[in-house]
Amino acid sequence: MAKYVCEVCGWEYDPQMGLPEEGIEPGTPWETIPEDFKCPLCGVGKNQFYEE
C-alpha cells in the first residue's frame, strides 16, 4: 500500500497503520478517508497530500 504525505509539513499517512486516535482503523485505504480529513500536525486538507 502506498503512503500519503502532507506537502506542507511532511506528516505521513500509512494505510497499514491507520490513525486509530482519529478513529481510522489500520488497513483503511486513503481513498476511503473522509474528504474533510485534516492533517493532524498542520491542519491542511486531504487535497494537500501526495502519494509516495
PDB file of N, CA and C in Angstrom:
ATOM      1  N   MET A   1       0.843  -1.194   0.000  1.00  0.00           N
ATOM      2  CA  MET A   1       0.000   0.000   0.000  1.00  0.00           C
ATOM      3  C   MET A   1       0.884   1.251   0.000  1.00  0.00           C
ATOM      4  N   ALA A   2       0.493   2.216  -0.788  1.00  0.00           N
ATOM      5  CA  ALA A   2       1.227   3.478  -0.852  1.00  0.00           C
ATOM      6  C   ALA A   2       0.988   4.286   0.419  1.00  0.00           C
ATOM      7  N   LYS A   3       1.925   5.155   0.726  1.00  0.00           N
ATOM      8  CA  LYS A   3       1.776   6.089   1.835  1.00  0.00           C
ATOM      9  C   LYS A   3       1.429   7.441   1.249  1.00  0.00           C
ATOM     10  N   TYR A   4       0.817   8.291   2.048  1.00  0.00           N
ATOM     11  CA  TYR A   4       0.392   9.614   1.604  1.00  0.00           C
ATOM     12  C   TYR A   4       1.014  10.651   2.521  1.00  0.00           C
ATOM     13  N   VAL A   5       1.659  11.651   1.905  1.00  0.00           N
ATOM     14  CA  VAL A   5       2.460  12.621   2.647  1.00  0.00           C
ATOM     15  C   VAL A   5       1.875  14.019   2.496  1.00  0.00           C
ATOM     16  N   CYS A   6       1.802  14.727   3.621  1.00  0.00           N
ATOM     17  CA  CYS A   6       1.346  16.120   3.610  1.00  0.00           C
ATOM     18  C   CYS A   6       2.418  16.972   2.940  1.00  0.00           C
ATOM     19  N   GLU A   7       2.026  17.714   1.901  1.00  0.00           N
ATOM     20  CA  GLU A   7       3.003  18.521   1.188  1.00  0.00           C
ATOM     21  C   GLU A   7       3.412  19.764   1.961  1.00  0.00           C
ATOM     22  N   VAL A   8       2.710  20.080   3.040  1.00  0.00           N
ATOM     23  CA  VAL A   8       3.042  21.259   3.835  1.00  0.00           C
ATOM     24  C   VAL A   8       4.042  20.925   4.940  1.00  0.00           C
ATOM     25  N   CYS A   9       3.757  19.878   5.734  1.00  0.00           N
ATOM     26  CA  CYS A   9       4.606  19.595   6.900  1.00  0.00           C
ATOM     27  C   CYS A   9       5.343  18.260   6.833  1.00  0.00           C
ATOM     28  N   GLY A  10       4.975  17.389   5.873  1.00  0.00           N
ATOM     29  CA  GLY A  10       5.669  16.119   5.728  1.00  0.00           C
ATOM     30  C   GLY A  10       5.096  14.973   6.550  1.00  0.00           C
ATOM     31  N   TRP A  11       4.010  15.208   7.295  1.00  0.00           N
ATOM     32  CA  TRP A  11       3.385  14.114   8.046  1.00  0.00           C
ATOM     33  C   TRP A  11       2.928  13.045   7.063  1.00  0.00           C
ATOM     34  N   GLU A  12       3.040  11.783   7.461  1.00  0.00           N
ATOM     35  CA  GLU A  12       2.768  10.678   6.552  1.00  0.00           C
ATOM     36  C   GLU A  12       1.626   9.807   7.065  1.00  0.00           C
ATOM     37  N   TYR A  13       0.672   9.521   6.180  1.00  0.00           N
ATOM     38  CA  TYR A  13      -0.393   8.559   6.491  1.00  0.00           C
ATOM     39  C   TYR A  13      -0.003   7.222   5.892  1.00  0.00           C
ATOM     40  N   ASP A  14       0.083   6.218   6.738  1.00  0.00           N
ATOM     41  CA  ASP A  14       0.394   4.859   6.315  1.00  0.00           C
ATOM     42  C   ASP A  14      -0.879   4.029   6.482  1.00  0.00           C
ATOM     43  N   PRO A  15      -1.505   3.594   5.376  1.00  0.00           N
ATOM     44  CA  PRO A  15      -2.744   2.832   5.465  1.00  0.00           C
ATOM     45  C   PRO A  15      -2.635   1.576   6.331  1.00  0.00           C
ATOM     46  N   GLN A  16      -1.468   0.962   6.369  1.00  0.00           N
ATOM     47  CA  GLN A  16      -1.311  -0.242   7.191  1.00  0.00           C
ATOM     48  C   GLN A  16      -1.414   0.082   8.674  1.00  0.00           C
ATOM     49  N   MET A  17      -1.016   1.264   9.070  1.00  0.00           N
ATOM     50  CA  MET A  17      -1.071   1.679  10.469  1.00  0.00           C
ATOM     51  C   MET A  17      -2.398   2.354  10.817  1.00  0.00           C
ATOM     52  N   GLY A  18      -3.022   2.993   9.827  1.00  0.00           N
ATOM     53  CA  GLY A  18      -4.231   3.753  10.099  1.00  0.00           C
ATOM     54  C   GLY A  18      -3.913   4.958  10.965  1.00  0.00           C
ATOM     55  N   LEU A  19      -4.928   5.457  11.641  1.00  0.00           N
ATOM     56  CA  LEU A  19      -4.774   6.575  12.567  1.00  0.00           C
ATOM     57  C   LEU A  19      -5.806   6.366  13.673  1.00  0.00           C
ATOM     58  N   PRO A  20      -5.589   5.318  14.495  1.00  0.00           N
ATOM     59  CA  PRO A  20      -6.586   4.924  15.493  1.00  0.00           C
ATOM     60  C   PRO A  20      -7.042   6.055  16.415  1.00  0.00           C
ATOM     61  N   GLU A  21      -6.138   6.970  16.748  1.00  0.00           N
ATOM     62  CA  GLU A  21      -6.522   8.083  17.630  1.00  0.00           C
ATOM     63  C   GLU A  21      -7.526   9.034  16.990  1.00  0.00           C
ATOM     64  N   GLU A  22      -7.676   8.931  15.661  1.00  0.00           N
ATOM     65  CA  GLU A  22      -8.673   9.729  14.932  1.00  0.00           C
ATOM     66  C   GLU A  22      -9.839   8.852  14.461  1.00  0.00           C
ATOM     67  N   GLY A  23      -9.866   7.599  14.906  1.00  0.00           N
ATOM     68  CA  GLY A  23     -10.952   6.700  14.531  1.00  0.00           C
ATOM     69  C   GLY A  23     -10.760   6.008  13.189  1.00  0.00           C
ATOM     70  N   ILE A  24      -9.545   6.047  12.652  1.00  0.00           N
ATOM     71  CA  ILE A  24      -9.253   5.414  11.365  1.00  0.00           C
ATOM     72  C   ILE A  24      -8.478   4.128  11.641  1.00  0.00           C
ATOM     73  N   GLU A  25      -9.126   3.010  11.400  1.00  0.00           N
ATOM     74  CA  GLU A  25      -8.562   1.697  11.719  1.00  0.00           C
ATOM     75  C   GLU A  25      -7.400   1.323  10.807  1.00  0.00           C
ATOM     76  N   PRO A  26      -6.443   0.524  11.301  1.00  0.00           N
ATOM     77  CA  PRO A  26      -5.373   0.011  10.441  1.00  0.00           C
ATOM     78  C   PRO A  26      -5.971  -0.723   9.238  1.00  0.00           C
ATOM     79  N   GLY A  27      -5.332  -0.537   8.090  1.00  0.00           N
ATOM     80  CA  GLY A  27      -5.814  -1.167   6.864  1.00  0.00           C
ATOM     81  C   GLY A  27      -6.790  -0.300   6.078  1.00  0.00           C
ATOM     82  N   THR A  28      -7.060   0.916   6.558  1.00  0.00           N
ATOM     83  CA  THR A  28      -8.001   1.808   5.870  1.00  0.00           C
ATOM     84  C   THR A  28      -7.311   2.489   4.694  1.00  0.00           C
ATOM     85  N   PRO A  29      -7.780   2.226   3.459  1.00  0.00           N
ATOM     86  CA  PRO A  29      -7.173   2.859   2.284  1.00  0.00           C
ATOM     87  C   PRO A  29      -7.419   4.373   2.276  1.00  0.00           C
ATOM     88  N   TRP A  30      -6.482   5.099   1.724  1.00  0.00           N
ATOM     89  CA  TRP A  30      -6.583   6.566   1.631  1.00  0.00           C
ATOM     90  C   TRP A  30      -7.869   6.989   0.939  1.00  0.00           C
ATOM     91  N   GLU A  31      -8.269   6.252  -0.079  1.00  0.00           N
ATOM     92  CA  GLU A  31      -9.453   6.604  -0.856  1.00  0.00           C
ATOM     93  C   GLU A  31     -10.725   6.631  -0.009  1.00  0.00           C
ATOM     94  N   THR A  32     -10.745   5.896   1.095  1.00  0.00           N
ATOM     95  CA  THR A  32     -11.951   5.851   1.929  1.00  0.00           C
ATOM     96  C   THR A  32     -11.888   6.817   3.120  1.00  0.00           C
ATOM     97  N   ILE A  33     -10.773   7.535   3.258  1.00  0.00           N
ATOM     98  CA  ILE A  33     -10.667   8.547   4.311  1.00  0.00           C
ATOM     99  C   ILE A  33     -11.640   9.674   3.945  1.00  0.00           C
ATOM    100  N   PRO A  34     -12.405  10.185   4.904  1.00  0.00           N
ATOM    101  CA  PRO A  34     -13.371  11.255   4.596  1.00  0.00           C
ATOM    102  C   PRO A  34     -12.707  12.472   3.949  1.00  0.00           C
ATOM    103  N   GLU A  35     -13.433  13.133   3.066  1.00  0.00           N
ATOM    104  CA  GLU A  35     -12.915  14.304   2.355  1.00  0.00           C
ATOM    105  C   GLU A  35     -12.611  15.468   3.297  1.00  0.00           C
ATOM    106  N   ASP A  36     -13.225  15.487   4.478  1.00  0.00           N
ATOM    107  CA  ASP A  36     -12.968  16.581   5.425  1.00  0.00           C
ATOM    108  C   ASP A  36     -11.795  16.280   6.365  1.00  0.00           C
ATOM    109  N   PHE A  37     -11.024  15.226   6.064  1.00  0.00           N
ATOM    110  CA  PHE A  37      -9.844  14.871   6.847  1.00  0.00           C
ATOM    111  C   PHE A  37      -8.863  16.037   6.869  1.00  0.00           C
ATOM    112  N   LYS A  38      -8.279  16.281   8.027  1.00  0.00           N
ATOM    113  CA  LYS A  38      -7.261  17.319   8.192  1.00  0.00           C
ATOM    114  C   LYS A  38      -5.973  16.683   8.705  1.00  0.00           C
ATOM    115  N   CYS A  39      -4.849  17.180   8.251  1.00  0.00           N
ATOM    116  CA  CYS A  39      -3.551  16.710   8.723  1.00  0.00           C
ATOM    117  C   CYS A  39      -3.486  16.919  10.239  1.00  0.00           C
ATOM    118  N   PRO A  40      -3.133  15.876  10.990  1.00  0.00           N
ATOM    119  CA  PRO A  40      -3.092  16.010  12.445  1.00  0.00           C
ATOM    120  C   PRO A  40      -1.983  16.936  12.953  1.00  0.00           C
ATOM    121  N   LEU A  41      -1.008  17.251  12.116  1.00  0.00           N
ATOM    122  CA  LEU A  41       0.065  18.154  12.555  1.00  0.00           C
ATOM    123  C   LEU A  41      -0.173  19.608  12.183  1.00  0.00           C
ATOM    124  N   CYS A  42      -0.559  19.850  10.926  1.00  0.00           N
ATOM    125  CA  CYS A  42      -0.666  21.249  10.485  1.00  0.00           C
ATOM    126  C   CYS A  42      -2.074  21.683  10.090  1.00  0.00           C
ATOM    127  N   GLY A  43      -3.011  20.727   9.970  1.00  0.00           N
ATOM    128  CA  GLY A  43      -4.408  21.072   9.731  1.00  0.00           C
ATOM    129  C   GLY A  43      -4.837  21.291   8.294  1.00  0.00           C
ATOM    130  N   VAL A  44      -3.954  21.062   7.323  1.00  0.00           N
ATOM    131  CA  VAL A  44      -4.386  21.227   5.930  1.00  0.00           C
ATOM    132  C   VAL A  44      -5.271  20.063   5.503  1.00  0.00           C
ATOM    133  N   GLY A  45      -6.000  20.255   4.424  1.00  0.00           N
ATOM    134  CA  GLY A  45      -6.950  19.263   3.962  1.00  0.00           C
ATOM    135  C   GLY A  45      -6.338  18.101   3.199  1.00  0.00           C
ATOM    136  N   LYS A  46      -7.177  17.106   2.998  1.00  0.00           N
ATOM    137  CA  LYS A  46      -6.779  15.876   2.299  1.00  0.00           C
ATOM    138  C   LYS A  46      -6.230  16.153   0.901  1.00  0.00           C
ATOM    139  N   ASN A  47      -6.699  17.218   0.278  1.00  0.00           N
ATOM    140  CA  ASN A  47      -6.259  17.540  -1.083  1.00  0.00           C
ATOM    141  C   ASN A  47      -4.810  18.024  -1.133  1.00  0.00           C
ATOM    142  N   GLN A  48      -4.175  18.216   0.010  1.00  0.00           N
ATOM    143  CA  GLN A  48      -2.783  18.670   0.030  1.00  0.00           C
ATOM    144  C   GLN A  48      -1.821  17.551   0.405  1.00  0.00           C
ATOM    145  N   PHE A  49      -2.230  16.313   0.126  1.00  0.00           N
ATOM    146  CA  PHE A  49      -1.385  15.147   0.328  1.00  0.00           C
ATOM    147  C   PHE A  49      -1.025  14.564  -1.024  1.00  0.00           C
ATOM    148  N   TYR A  50       0.143  13.970  -1.108  1.00  0.00           N
ATOM    149  CA  TYR A  50       0.544  13.295  -2.339  1.00  0.00           C
ATOM    150  C   TYR A  50       0.925  11.853  -2.024  1.00  0.00           C
ATOM    151  N   GLU A  51       0.786  11.021  -3.023  1.00  0.00           N
ATOM    152  CA  GLU A  51       1.101   9.594  -2.876  1.00  0.00           C
ATOM    153  C   GLU A  51       2.612   9.404  -2.974  1.00  0.00           C
ATOM    154  N   GLU A  52       3.136   8.623  -2.052  1.00  0.00           N
ATOM    155  CA  GLU A  52       4.575   8.356  -2.055  1.00  0.00           C
ATOM    156  C   GLU A  52       4.854   6.954  -2.539  1.00  0.00           C
TER     157      GLU A  52
END
